[in-house]
Amino acid sequence: MELRLREAGKAARAARRREDQLNEELVRARTERARKERSLEEAREEVRSLAKRVEKAELDKAKAESIRSCSGGGGAGPSTSSNEGFFQDVLSNFKELVETNLQCSVCSELFVFATTVVGCGHSFCEECLEEWRAMKEEGRPNCPICRANFRSTVPCLALDDYVEKAVEGFFPEDAKEAR
């Protein structure tokens, strides 16, 4: 019986040693896993950063090619008439967009503090609409386009944002300062 107790004690100690070894291996494995996960996340972040840089470089390249094709193609690489035609189409469409959607119908300029008439939805420069209201001394003011009477106006931030982006990207510095 005593022999069995000794053997059982030895077996229990061996099992504890094995359990301790397994626990140590588990801790090492978890530590290694955490290190690899951090490394993987750093690699993913670097890939995102590189993707943004590539996207910016491609945009800059396209912009440079457009400028080169517009100015006569004085750079590396041939300037084809199809590229020039495409660029001219883009400019024509942009000009049409500005003239039809980002221009005040009172002053025929780009919106400055675009303001929309509540009711009909037409938009004008804030100053143009105020001058129109001042000219209409009698009764309620009406819309310069459709002549609908209105009580209030609201700023149109979306139009202001579009105009601001158009001015930043496509207009010379003196036009920016004039705004």
N, C-alpha and C. Protein backbone atom coordinates (compact mmCIF):
# COMPACT_ATOMS: atom_id res chain seq x y z
N MET A 1 0.81 -1.18 0.00
CA MET A 1 0.00 0.00 0.00
C MET A 1 0.87 1.26 0.00
N GLU A 2 1.87 1.21 0.80
CA GLU A 2 2.79 2.33 0.88
C GLU A 2 3.46 2.55 -0.48
N LEU A 3 3.74 1.48 -1.13
CA LEU A 3 4.37 1.56 -2.45
C LEU A 3 3.41 2.24 -3.45
N ARG A 4 2.17 1.90 -3.33
CA ARG A 4 1.18 2.52 -4.21
C ARG A 4 1.04 4.01 -3.94
N LEU A 5 1.11 4.40 -2.69
CA LEU A 5 1.03 5.82 -2.33
C LEU A 5 2.23 6.58 -2.89
N ARG A 6 3.41 5.97 -2.79
CA ARG A 6 4.61 6.63 -3.34
C ARG A 6 4.48 6.79 -4.85
N GLU A 7 4.03 5.75 -5.49
CA GLU A 7 3.88 5.81 -6.95
C GLU A 7 2.81 6.84 -7.34
N ALA A 8 1.76 6.89 -6.58
CA ALA A 8 0.71 7.87 -6.85
C ALA A 8 1.24 9.28 -6.63
N GLY A 9 2.06 9.48 -5.59
CA GLY A 9 2.67 10.79 -5.33
C GLY A 9 3.60 11.19 -6.46
N LYS A 10 4.42 10.22 -6.95
CA LYS A 10 5.32 10.49 -8.07
C LYS A 10 4.52 10.86 -9.32
N ALA A 11 3.45 10.13 -9.56
CA ALA A 11 2.62 10.40 -10.73
C ALA A 11 1.97 11.77 -10.63
N ALA A 12 1.54 12.15 -9.42
CA ALA A 12 0.92 13.46 -9.23
C ALA A 12 1.94 14.57 -9.46
N ARG A 13 3.17 14.40 -8.94
CA ARG A 13 4.23 15.41 -9.15
C ARG A 13 4.57 15.52 -10.63
N ALA A 14 4.65 14.39 -11.31
CA ALA A 14 4.94 14.39 -12.75
C ALA A 14 3.82 15.10 -13.52
N ALA A 15 2.59 14.86 -13.11
CA ALA A 15 1.45 15.52 -13.77
C ALA A 15 1.49 17.02 -13.53
N ARG A 16 1.87 17.46 -12.31
CA ARG A 16 1.98 18.90 -12.03
C ARG A 16 3.09 19.53 -12.85
N ARG A 17 4.25 18.82 -12.95
CA ARG A 17 5.36 19.35 -13.76
C ARG A 17 4.91 19.50 -15.22
N ARG A 18 4.21 18.48 -15.72
CA ARG A 18 3.73 18.52 -17.10
C ARG A 18 2.72 19.65 -17.28
N GLU A 19 1.84 19.85 -16.31
CA GLU A 19 0.87 20.93 -16.36
C GLU A 19 1.57 22.28 -16.36
N ASP A 20 2.61 22.42 -15.50
CA ASP A 20 3.38 23.67 -15.47
C ASP A 20 4.06 23.93 -16.82
N GLN A 21 4.61 22.88 -17.42
CA GLN A 21 5.25 23.02 -18.73
C GLN A 21 4.23 23.46 -19.78
N LEU A 22 3.09 22.82 -19.74
CA LEU A 22 2.04 23.18 -20.71
C LEU A 22 1.56 24.62 -20.50
N ASN A 23 1.44 25.05 -19.25
CA ASN A 23 1.04 26.44 -18.96
C ASN A 23 2.09 27.41 -19.48
N GLU A 24 3.38 27.08 -19.28
CA GLU A 24 4.45 27.94 -19.80
C GLU A 24 4.41 28.02 -21.32
N GLU A 25 4.18 26.87 -21.97
CA GLU A 25 4.07 26.86 -23.43
C GLU A 25 2.88 27.69 -23.89
N LEU A 26 1.78 27.61 -23.16
CA LEU A 26 0.59 28.38 -23.49
C LEU A 26 0.86 29.88 -23.38
N VAL A 27 1.56 30.29 -22.32
CA VAL A 27 1.90 31.71 -22.15
C VAL A 27 2.81 32.17 -23.29
N ARG A 28 3.82 31.35 -23.64
CA ARG A 28 4.72 31.71 -24.74
C ARG A 28 3.94 31.81 -26.06
N ALA A 29 3.03 30.87 -26.29
CA ALA A 29 2.25 30.88 -27.53
C ALA A 29 1.35 32.12 -27.59
N ARG A 30 0.72 32.48 -26.47
CA ARG A 30 -0.13 33.67 -26.45
C ARG A 30 0.69 34.93 -26.68
N THR A 31 1.86 35.00 -26.07
CA THR A 31 2.75 36.15 -26.25
C THR A 31 3.17 36.27 -27.71
N GLU A 32 3.55 35.14 -28.31
CA GLU A 32 3.95 35.13 -29.72
C GLU A 32 2.78 35.54 -30.62
N ARG A 33 1.60 35.05 -30.31
CA ARG A 33 0.40 35.40 -31.09
C ARG A 33 0.13 36.90 -31.01
N ALA A 34 0.21 37.47 -29.81
CA ALA A 34 -0.03 38.91 -29.65
C ALA A 34 1.02 39.71 -30.43
N ARG A 35 2.28 39.26 -30.41
CA ARG A 35 3.33 39.96 -31.14
C ARG A 35 3.05 39.91 -32.65
N LYS A 36 2.64 38.73 -33.12
CA LYS A 36 2.35 38.59 -34.56
C LYS A 36 1.12 39.41 -34.95
N GLU A 37 0.11 39.49 -34.08
CA GLU A 37 -1.07 40.30 -34.38
C GLU A 37 -0.70 41.78 -34.46
N ARG A 38 0.17 42.24 -33.55
CA ARG A 38 0.64 43.65 -33.61
C ARG A 38 1.40 43.89 -34.91
N SER A 39 2.25 42.94 -35.25
CA SER A 39 3.03 43.06 -36.47
C SER A 39 2.12 43.08 -37.70
N LEU A 40 1.10 42.24 -37.69
CA LEU A 40 0.14 42.19 -38.79
C LEU A 40 -0.61 43.51 -38.90
N GLU A 41 -1.04 44.07 -37.78
CA GLU A 41 -1.76 45.34 -37.80
C GLU A 41 -0.86 46.47 -38.31
N GLU A 42 0.41 46.45 -37.91
CA GLU A 42 1.35 47.46 -38.41
C GLU A 42 1.53 47.32 -39.92
N ALA A 43 1.60 46.08 -40.40
CA ALA A 43 1.73 45.86 -41.84
C ALA A 43 0.48 46.33 -42.57
N ARG A 44 -0.70 46.08 -42.01
CA ARG A 44 -1.93 46.54 -42.64
C ARG A 44 -1.97 48.06 -42.70
N GLU A 45 -1.55 48.71 -41.63
CA GLU A 45 -1.51 50.17 -41.60
C GLU A 45 -0.55 50.70 -42.66
N GLU A 46 0.59 50.05 -42.80
CA GLU A 46 1.56 50.47 -43.82
C GLU A 46 0.98 50.30 -45.22
N VAL A 47 0.25 49.20 -45.45
CA VAL A 47 -0.39 48.97 -46.74
C VAL A 47 -1.42 50.06 -47.02
N ARG A 48 -2.22 50.43 -46.00
CA ARG A 48 -3.21 51.51 -46.19
C ARG A 48 -2.50 52.82 -46.53
N SER A 49 -1.41 53.09 -45.83
CA SER A 49 -0.67 54.32 -46.09
C SER A 49 -0.10 54.32 -47.51
N LEU A 50 0.46 53.19 -47.92
CA LEU A 50 1.01 53.10 -49.27
C LEU A 50 -0.09 53.21 -50.33
N ALA A 51 -1.25 52.63 -50.05
CA ALA A 51 -2.37 52.73 -51.00
C ALA A 51 -2.79 54.19 -51.17
N LYS A 52 -2.82 54.94 -50.07
CA LYS A 52 -3.17 56.37 -50.16
C LYS A 52 -2.13 57.12 -50.98
N ARG A 53 -0.84 56.79 -50.76
CA ARG A 53 0.22 57.45 -51.51
C ARG A 53 0.13 57.13 -53.00
N VAL A 54 -0.18 55.86 -53.32
CA VAL A 54 -0.32 55.46 -54.72
C VAL A 54 -1.49 56.19 -55.36
N GLU A 55 -2.60 56.27 -54.64
CA GLU A 55 -3.79 56.97 -55.15
C GLU A 55 -3.47 58.44 -55.42
N LYS A 56 -2.76 59.07 -54.50
CA LYS A 56 -2.39 60.47 -54.69
C LYS A 56 -1.44 60.62 -55.88
N ALA A 57 -0.48 59.71 -55.99
CA ALA A 57 0.46 59.78 -57.11
C ALA A 57 -0.26 59.59 -58.44
N GLU A 58 -1.22 58.67 -58.49
CA GLU A 58 -1.99 58.47 -59.72
C GLU A 58 -2.81 59.70 -60.07
N LEU A 59 -3.37 60.33 -59.06
CA LEU A 59 -4.14 61.55 -59.29
C LEU A 59 -3.23 62.66 -59.81
N ASP A 60 -2.05 62.81 -59.19
CA ASP A 60 -1.09 63.82 -59.64
C ASP A 60 -0.63 63.54 -61.07
N LYS A 61 -0.42 62.26 -61.38
CA LYS A 61 -0.01 61.89 -62.73
C LYS A 61 -1.09 62.24 -63.74
N ALA A 62 -2.34 61.91 -63.41
CA ALA A 62 -3.44 62.22 -64.32
C ALA A 62 -3.58 63.73 -64.51
N LYS A 63 -3.41 64.47 -63.42
CA LYS A 63 -3.50 65.93 -63.51
C LYS A 63 -2.38 66.47 -64.40
N ALA A 64 -1.17 65.95 -64.21
CA ALA A 64 -0.03 66.40 -65.01
C ALA A 64 -0.23 66.06 -66.48
N GLU A 65 -0.76 64.86 -66.77
CA GLU A 65 -1.01 64.48 -68.15
C GLU A 65 -2.07 65.37 -68.78
N SER A 66 -3.08 65.74 -68.01
CA SER A 66 -4.12 66.63 -68.53
C SER A 66 -3.55 68.00 -68.84
N ILE A 67 -2.73 68.49 -67.93
CA ILE A 67 -2.12 69.81 -68.15
C ILE A 67 -1.20 69.76 -69.35
N ARG A 68 -0.39 68.68 -69.46
CA ARG A 68 0.53 68.55 -70.58
C ARG A 68 -0.24 68.46 -71.90
N SER A 69 -1.32 67.68 -71.92
CA SER A 69 -2.07 67.54 -73.17
C SER A 69 -2.76 68.85 -73.54
N CYS A 70 -3.17 69.61 -72.54
CA CYS A 70 -3.83 70.89 -72.80
C CYS A 70 -2.85 71.93 -73.30
N SER A 71 -1.60 71.87 -72.78
CA SER A 71 -0.62 72.89 -73.14
C SER A 71 0.21 72.52 -74.35
N GLY A 72 -0.10 71.44 -75.00
CA GLY A 72 0.62 71.11 -76.22
C GLY A 72 1.51 69.91 -76.09
N GLY A 73 1.58 69.27 -74.94
CA GLY A 73 2.29 68.01 -74.80
C GLY A 73 3.78 68.13 -74.73
N GLY A 74 4.35 69.09 -74.07
CA GLY A 74 5.80 69.22 -73.98
C GLY A 74 6.41 68.41 -72.88
N GLY A 75 6.20 67.13 -72.83
CA GLY A 75 6.80 66.31 -71.78
C GLY A 75 7.08 64.92 -72.29
N ALA A 76 7.40 64.02 -71.39
CA ALA A 76 7.68 62.65 -71.76
C ALA A 76 6.39 61.96 -72.16
N GLY A 77 6.37 61.32 -73.25
CA GLY A 77 5.17 60.61 -73.66
C GLY A 77 4.39 61.40 -74.68
N PRO A 78 3.81 60.71 -75.63
CA PRO A 78 3.08 61.41 -76.69
C PRO A 78 1.75 61.95 -76.20
N SER A 79 1.38 63.06 -76.82
CA SER A 79 0.08 63.65 -76.53
C SER A 79 -0.84 63.32 -77.68
N THR A 80 -1.84 62.51 -77.46
CA THR A 80 -2.71 62.10 -78.55
C THR A 80 -3.91 63.02 -78.63
N SER A 81 -4.48 63.07 -79.81
CA SER A 81 -5.64 63.94 -79.99
C SER A 81 -6.83 63.44 -79.19
N SER A 82 -6.91 62.11 -78.95
CA SER A 82 -8.03 61.61 -78.16
C SER A 82 -7.94 62.09 -76.72
N ASN A 83 -6.71 62.17 -76.18
CA ASN A 83 -6.54 62.70 -74.82
C ASN A 83 -6.93 64.17 -74.78
N GLU A 84 -6.51 64.91 -75.79
CA GLU A 84 -6.85 66.33 -75.83
C GLU A 84 -8.36 66.51 -75.97
N GLY A 85 -8.97 65.68 -76.79
CA GLY A 85 -10.41 65.76 -76.97
C GLY A 85 -11.16 65.44 -75.69
N PHE A 86 -10.68 64.43 -74.98
CA PHE A 86 -11.29 64.05 -73.71
C PHE A 86 -11.16 65.19 -72.70
N PHE A 87 -9.97 65.76 -72.62
CA PHE A 87 -9.74 66.86 -71.68
C PHE A 87 -10.62 68.05 -72.03
N GLN A 88 -10.75 68.35 -73.31
CA GLN A 88 -11.60 69.46 -73.74
C GLN A 88 -13.07 69.19 -73.40
N ASP A 89 -13.49 67.92 -73.55
CA ASP A 89 -14.86 67.55 -73.18
C ASP A 89 -15.09 67.76 -71.69
N VAL A 90 -14.11 67.35 -70.88
CA VAL A 90 -14.23 67.53 -69.43
C VAL A 90 -14.33 69.00 -69.09
N LEU A 91 -13.46 69.81 -69.69
CA LEU A 91 -13.50 71.25 -69.43
C LEU A 91 -14.82 71.87 -69.90
N SER A 92 -15.30 71.43 -71.06
CA SER A 92 -16.57 71.95 -71.57
C SER A 92 -17.71 71.59 -70.63
N ASN A 93 -17.74 70.34 -70.17
CA ASN A 93 -18.79 69.91 -69.24
C ASN A 93 -18.69 70.67 -67.92
N PHE A 94 -17.46 70.89 -67.46
CA PHE A 94 -17.29 71.63 -66.21
C PHE A 94 -17.77 73.08 -66.37
N LYS A 95 -17.43 73.69 -67.51
CA LYS A 95 -17.87 75.06 -67.76
C LYS A 95 -19.39 75.14 -67.80
N GLU A 96 -20.00 74.15 -68.44
CA GLU A 96 -21.47 74.12 -68.50
C GLU A 96 -22.07 73.95 -67.11
N LEU A 97 -21.46 73.08 -66.30
CA LEU A 97 -21.94 72.88 -64.92
C LEU A 97 -21.87 74.19 -64.15
N VAL A 98 -20.75 74.88 -64.26
CA VAL A 98 -20.59 76.14 -63.53
C VAL A 98 -21.61 77.17 -64.02
N GLU A 99 -21.77 77.27 -65.34
CA GLU A 99 -22.67 78.28 -65.88
C GLU A 99 -24.14 77.99 -65.59
N THR A 100 -24.51 76.73 -65.48
CA THR A 100 -25.92 76.42 -65.29
C THR A 100 -26.30 76.16 -63.84
N ASN A 101 -25.38 75.70 -63.03
CA ASN A 101 -25.76 75.28 -61.68
C ASN A 101 -25.07 76.03 -60.55
N LEU A 102 -23.97 76.68 -60.82
CA LEU A 102 -23.24 77.35 -59.75
C LEU A 102 -23.19 78.87 -59.94
N GLN A 103 -24.12 79.39 -60.75
CA GLN A 103 -24.10 80.80 -61.10
C GLN A 103 -25.42 81.46 -60.70
N CYS A 104 -25.30 82.60 -60.08
CA CYS A 104 -26.47 83.38 -59.69
C CYS A 104 -27.12 83.97 -60.94
N SER A 105 -28.43 83.85 -61.05
CA SER A 105 -29.11 84.36 -62.24
C SER A 105 -29.33 85.87 -62.18
N VAL A 106 -29.07 86.49 -61.04
CA VAL A 106 -29.22 87.94 -60.94
C VAL A 106 -27.94 88.63 -61.41
N CYS A 107 -26.78 88.21 -60.87
CA CYS A 107 -25.52 88.88 -61.21
C CYS A 107 -24.70 88.12 -62.24
N SER A 108 -25.11 86.90 -62.58
CA SER A 108 -24.40 86.05 -63.56
C SER A 108 -22.97 85.73 -63.14
N GLU A 109 -22.72 85.68 -61.87
CA GLU A 109 -21.41 85.31 -61.33
C GLU A 109 -21.59 84.05 -60.49
N LEU A 110 -20.45 83.45 -60.10
CA LEU A 110 -20.53 82.31 -59.19
C LEU A 110 -21.18 82.76 -57.90
N PHE A 111 -21.94 81.84 -57.28
CA PHE A 111 -22.60 82.17 -56.03
C PHE A 111 -21.60 82.64 -54.98
N VAL A 112 -21.98 83.70 -54.27
CA VAL A 112 -21.26 84.15 -53.09
C VAL A 112 -22.27 84.11 -51.95
N PHE A 113 -22.06 83.21 -51.02
CA PHE A 113 -23.01 82.95 -49.94
C PHE A 113 -24.38 82.63 -50.53
N ALA A 114 -24.42 81.48 -51.20
CA ALA A 114 -25.66 81.05 -51.86
C ALA A 114 -26.82 81.00 -50.86
N THR A 115 -27.95 81.54 -51.30
CA THR A 115 -29.16 81.60 -50.47
C THR A 115 -30.32 81.08 -51.30
N THR A 116 -31.13 80.22 -50.69
CA THR A 116 -32.25 79.61 -51.41
C THR A 116 -33.56 80.17 -50.89
N VAL A 117 -34.46 80.47 -51.82
CA VAL A 117 -35.79 80.98 -51.48
C VAL A 117 -36.64 79.80 -51.00
N VAL A 118 -37.20 79.95 -49.81
CA VAL A 118 -38.08 78.90 -49.29
C VAL A 118 -39.39 78.95 -50.07
N GLY A 119 -39.80 77.86 -50.61
CA GLY A 119 -41.03 77.79 -51.39
C GLY A 119 -40.74 77.32 -52.79
N CYS A 120 -40.01 78.12 -53.57
CA CYS A 120 -39.75 77.72 -54.96
C CYS A 120 -38.40 77.01 -55.11
N GLY A 121 -37.45 77.26 -54.21
CA GLY A 121 -36.18 76.56 -54.25
C GLY A 121 -35.12 77.18 -55.13
N HIS A 122 -35.38 78.34 -55.72
CA HIS A 122 -34.35 79.00 -56.53
C HIS A 122 -33.27 79.59 -55.62
N SER A 123 -32.03 79.61 -56.13
CA SER A 123 -30.91 80.10 -55.32
C SER A 123 -30.25 81.31 -55.98
N PHE A 124 -29.73 82.18 -55.11
CA PHE A 124 -29.09 83.42 -55.54
C PHE A 124 -27.97 83.75 -54.56
N CYS A 125 -27.14 84.73 -54.94
CA CYS A 125 -26.17 85.25 -53.97
C CYS A 125 -26.96 85.95 -52.87
N GLU A 126 -26.47 85.89 -51.68
CA GLU A 126 -27.18 86.52 -50.56
C GLU A 126 -27.35 88.02 -50.81
N GLU A 127 -26.29 88.66 -51.28
CA GLU A 127 -26.35 90.11 -51.52
C GLU A 127 -27.32 90.44 -52.66
N CYS A 128 -27.31 89.62 -53.72
CA CYS A 128 -28.23 89.87 -54.84
C CYS A 128 -29.68 89.79 -54.38
N LEU A 129 -29.98 88.80 -53.55
CA LEU A 129 -31.35 88.64 -53.08
C LEU A 129 -31.74 89.79 -52.15
N GLU A 130 -30.81 90.27 -51.34
CA GLU A 130 -31.10 91.41 -50.47
C GLU A 130 -31.36 92.67 -51.29
N GLU A 131 -30.57 92.87 -52.35
CA GLU A 131 -30.80 94.03 -53.22
C GLU A 131 -32.15 93.90 -53.92
N TRP A 132 -32.52 92.69 -54.35
CA TRP A 132 -33.82 92.47 -54.99
C TRP A 132 -34.95 92.79 -54.02
N ARG A 133 -34.80 92.36 -52.77
CA ARG A 133 -35.83 92.65 -51.75
C ARG A 133 -35.95 94.15 -51.53
N ALA A 134 -34.82 94.85 -51.51
CA ALA A 134 -34.83 96.30 -51.27
C ALA A 134 -35.55 97.03 -52.41
N MET A 135 -35.41 96.52 -53.64
CA MET A 135 -36.10 97.15 -54.77
C MET A 135 -37.60 96.93 -54.70
N LYS A 136 -38.01 95.85 -54.08
CA LYS A 136 -39.43 95.52 -53.97
C LYS A 136 -39.98 96.09 -52.67
N GLU A 137 -40.17 97.37 -52.61
CA GLU A 137 -40.60 98.03 -51.38
C GLU A 137 -42.02 97.66 -51.00
N GLU A 138 -42.89 97.50 -51.95
CA GLU A 138 -44.29 97.24 -51.66
C GLU A 138 -44.54 95.74 -51.49
N GLY A 139 -45.32 95.39 -50.51
CA GLY A 139 -45.76 94.00 -50.34
C GLY A 139 -44.63 93.04 -50.01
N ARG A 140 -44.97 91.80 -50.18
CA ARG A 140 -44.00 90.75 -49.88
C ARG A 140 -43.02 90.61 -51.03
N PRO A 141 -41.77 90.26 -50.72
CA PRO A 141 -40.80 90.07 -51.81
C PRO A 141 -41.14 88.82 -52.62
N ASN A 142 -40.70 88.83 -53.87
CA ASN A 142 -40.93 87.66 -54.70
C ASN A 142 -39.61 87.19 -55.30
N CYS A 143 -39.64 85.98 -55.84
CA CYS A 143 -38.46 85.35 -56.42
C CYS A 143 -38.10 86.06 -57.73
N PRO A 144 -36.83 86.38 -57.94
CA PRO A 144 -36.43 87.03 -59.19
C PRO A 144 -36.66 86.17 -60.44
N ILE A 145 -36.77 84.86 -60.28
CA ILE A 145 -36.95 83.99 -61.44
C ILE A 145 -38.42 83.72 -61.71
N CYS A 146 -39.14 83.16 -60.72
CA CYS A 146 -40.52 82.73 -60.97
C CYS A 146 -41.56 83.70 -60.39
N ARG A 147 -41.10 84.72 -59.70
CA ARG A 147 -41.97 85.75 -59.10
C ARG A 147 -42.90 85.22 -58.00
N ALA A 148 -42.61 84.05 -57.47
CA ALA A 148 -43.42 83.52 -56.37
C ALA A 148 -43.10 84.31 -55.10
N ASN A 149 -44.15 84.69 -54.37
CA ASN A 149 -43.93 85.38 -53.11
C ASN A 149 -43.26 84.45 -52.10
N PHE A 150 -42.42 85.02 -51.25
CA PHE A 150 -41.78 84.21 -50.24
C PHE A 150 -41.64 84.99 -48.94
N ARG A 151 -41.51 84.25 -47.87
CA ARG A 151 -41.36 84.87 -46.55
C ARG A 151 -39.94 84.78 -46.04
N SER A 152 -39.25 83.70 -46.41
CA SER A 152 -37.91 83.53 -45.85
C SER A 152 -36.97 82.87 -46.85
N THR A 153 -35.71 82.93 -46.49
CA THR A 153 -34.65 82.30 -47.27
C THR A 153 -33.76 81.51 -46.32
N VAL A 154 -33.00 80.59 -46.90
CA VAL A 154 -32.06 79.80 -46.10
C VAL A 154 -30.72 79.74 -46.83
N PRO A 155 -29.63 79.73 -46.06
CA PRO A 155 -28.32 79.57 -46.71
C PRO A 155 -28.22 78.19 -47.35
N CYS A 156 -27.56 78.10 -48.47
CA CYS A 156 -27.39 76.82 -49.16
C CYS A 156 -25.92 76.43 -49.09
N LEU A 157 -25.58 75.70 -48.04
CA LEU A 157 -24.18 75.34 -47.78
C LEU A 157 -23.62 74.40 -48.83
N ALA A 158 -24.46 73.54 -49.38
CA ALA A 158 -23.99 72.60 -50.40
C ALA A 158 -23.48 73.36 -51.63
N LEU A 159 -24.24 74.34 -52.10
CA LEU A 159 -23.79 75.14 -53.24
C LEU A 159 -22.52 75.90 -52.90
N ASP A 160 -22.46 76.46 -51.70
CA ASP A 160 -21.24 77.17 -51.28
C ASP A 160 -20.03 76.24 -51.33
N ASP A 161 -20.20 75.00 -50.86
CA ASP A 161 -19.10 74.02 -50.88
C ASP A 161 -18.67 73.71 -52.31
N TYR A 162 -19.63 73.48 -53.20
CA TYR A 162 -19.29 73.19 -54.59
C TYR A 162 -18.55 74.36 -55.23
N VAL A 163 -19.03 75.55 -55.01
CA VAL A 163 -18.39 76.73 -55.59
C VAL A 163 -16.98 76.87 -55.03
N GLU A 164 -16.84 76.68 -53.73
CA GLU A 164 -15.52 76.81 -53.10
C GLU A 164 -14.54 75.80 -53.69
N LYS A 165 -14.98 74.57 -53.88
CA LYS A 165 -14.10 73.55 -54.46
C LYS A 165 -13.76 73.87 -55.90
N ALA A 166 -14.71 74.37 -56.66
CA ALA A 166 -14.45 74.75 -58.05
C ALA A 166 -13.44 75.88 -58.11
N VAL A 167 -13.60 76.86 -57.25
CA VAL A 167 -12.68 78.00 -57.23
C VAL A 167 -11.29 77.55 -56.82
N GLU A 168 -11.19 76.71 -55.80
CA GLU A 168 -9.88 76.23 -55.34
C GLU A 168 -9.15 75.46 -56.42
N GLY A 169 -9.87 74.63 -57.17
CA GLY A 169 -9.21 73.76 -58.12
C GLY A 169 -9.01 74.31 -59.50
N PHE A 170 -9.84 75.28 -59.93
CA PHE A 170 -9.82 75.65 -61.34
C PHE A 170 -9.69 77.13 -61.63
N PHE A 171 -9.63 77.97 -60.62
CA PHE A 171 -9.60 79.40 -60.87
C PHE A 171 -8.25 79.97 -60.44
N PRO A 172 -7.79 81.03 -61.11
CA PRO A 172 -6.52 81.64 -60.73
C PRO A 172 -6.61 82.32 -59.36
N GLU A 173 -5.46 82.62 -58.79
CA GLU A 173 -5.38 83.18 -57.44
C GLU A 173 -6.16 84.49 -57.32
N ASP A 174 -6.11 85.35 -58.33
CA ASP A 174 -6.80 86.63 -58.22
C ASP A 174 -8.33 86.43 -58.14
N ALA A 175 -8.84 85.41 -58.81
CA ALA A 175 -10.28 85.11 -58.70
C ALA A 175 -10.63 84.61 -57.31
N LYS A 176 -9.72 83.86 -56.72
CA LYS A 176 -9.95 83.36 -55.37
C LYS A 176 -9.99 84.52 -54.38
N GLU A 177 -9.07 85.44 -54.54
CA GLU A 177 -9.02 86.59 -53.63
C GLU A 177 -10.23 87.50 -53.82
N ALA A 178 -10.73 87.62 -55.05
CA ALA A 178 -11.90 88.46 -55.30
C ALA A 178 -13.14 87.91 -54.61
N ARG A 179 -13.23 86.61 -54.49
CA ARG A 179 -14.36 86.00 -53.78
C ARG A 179 -14.25 86.31 -52.33
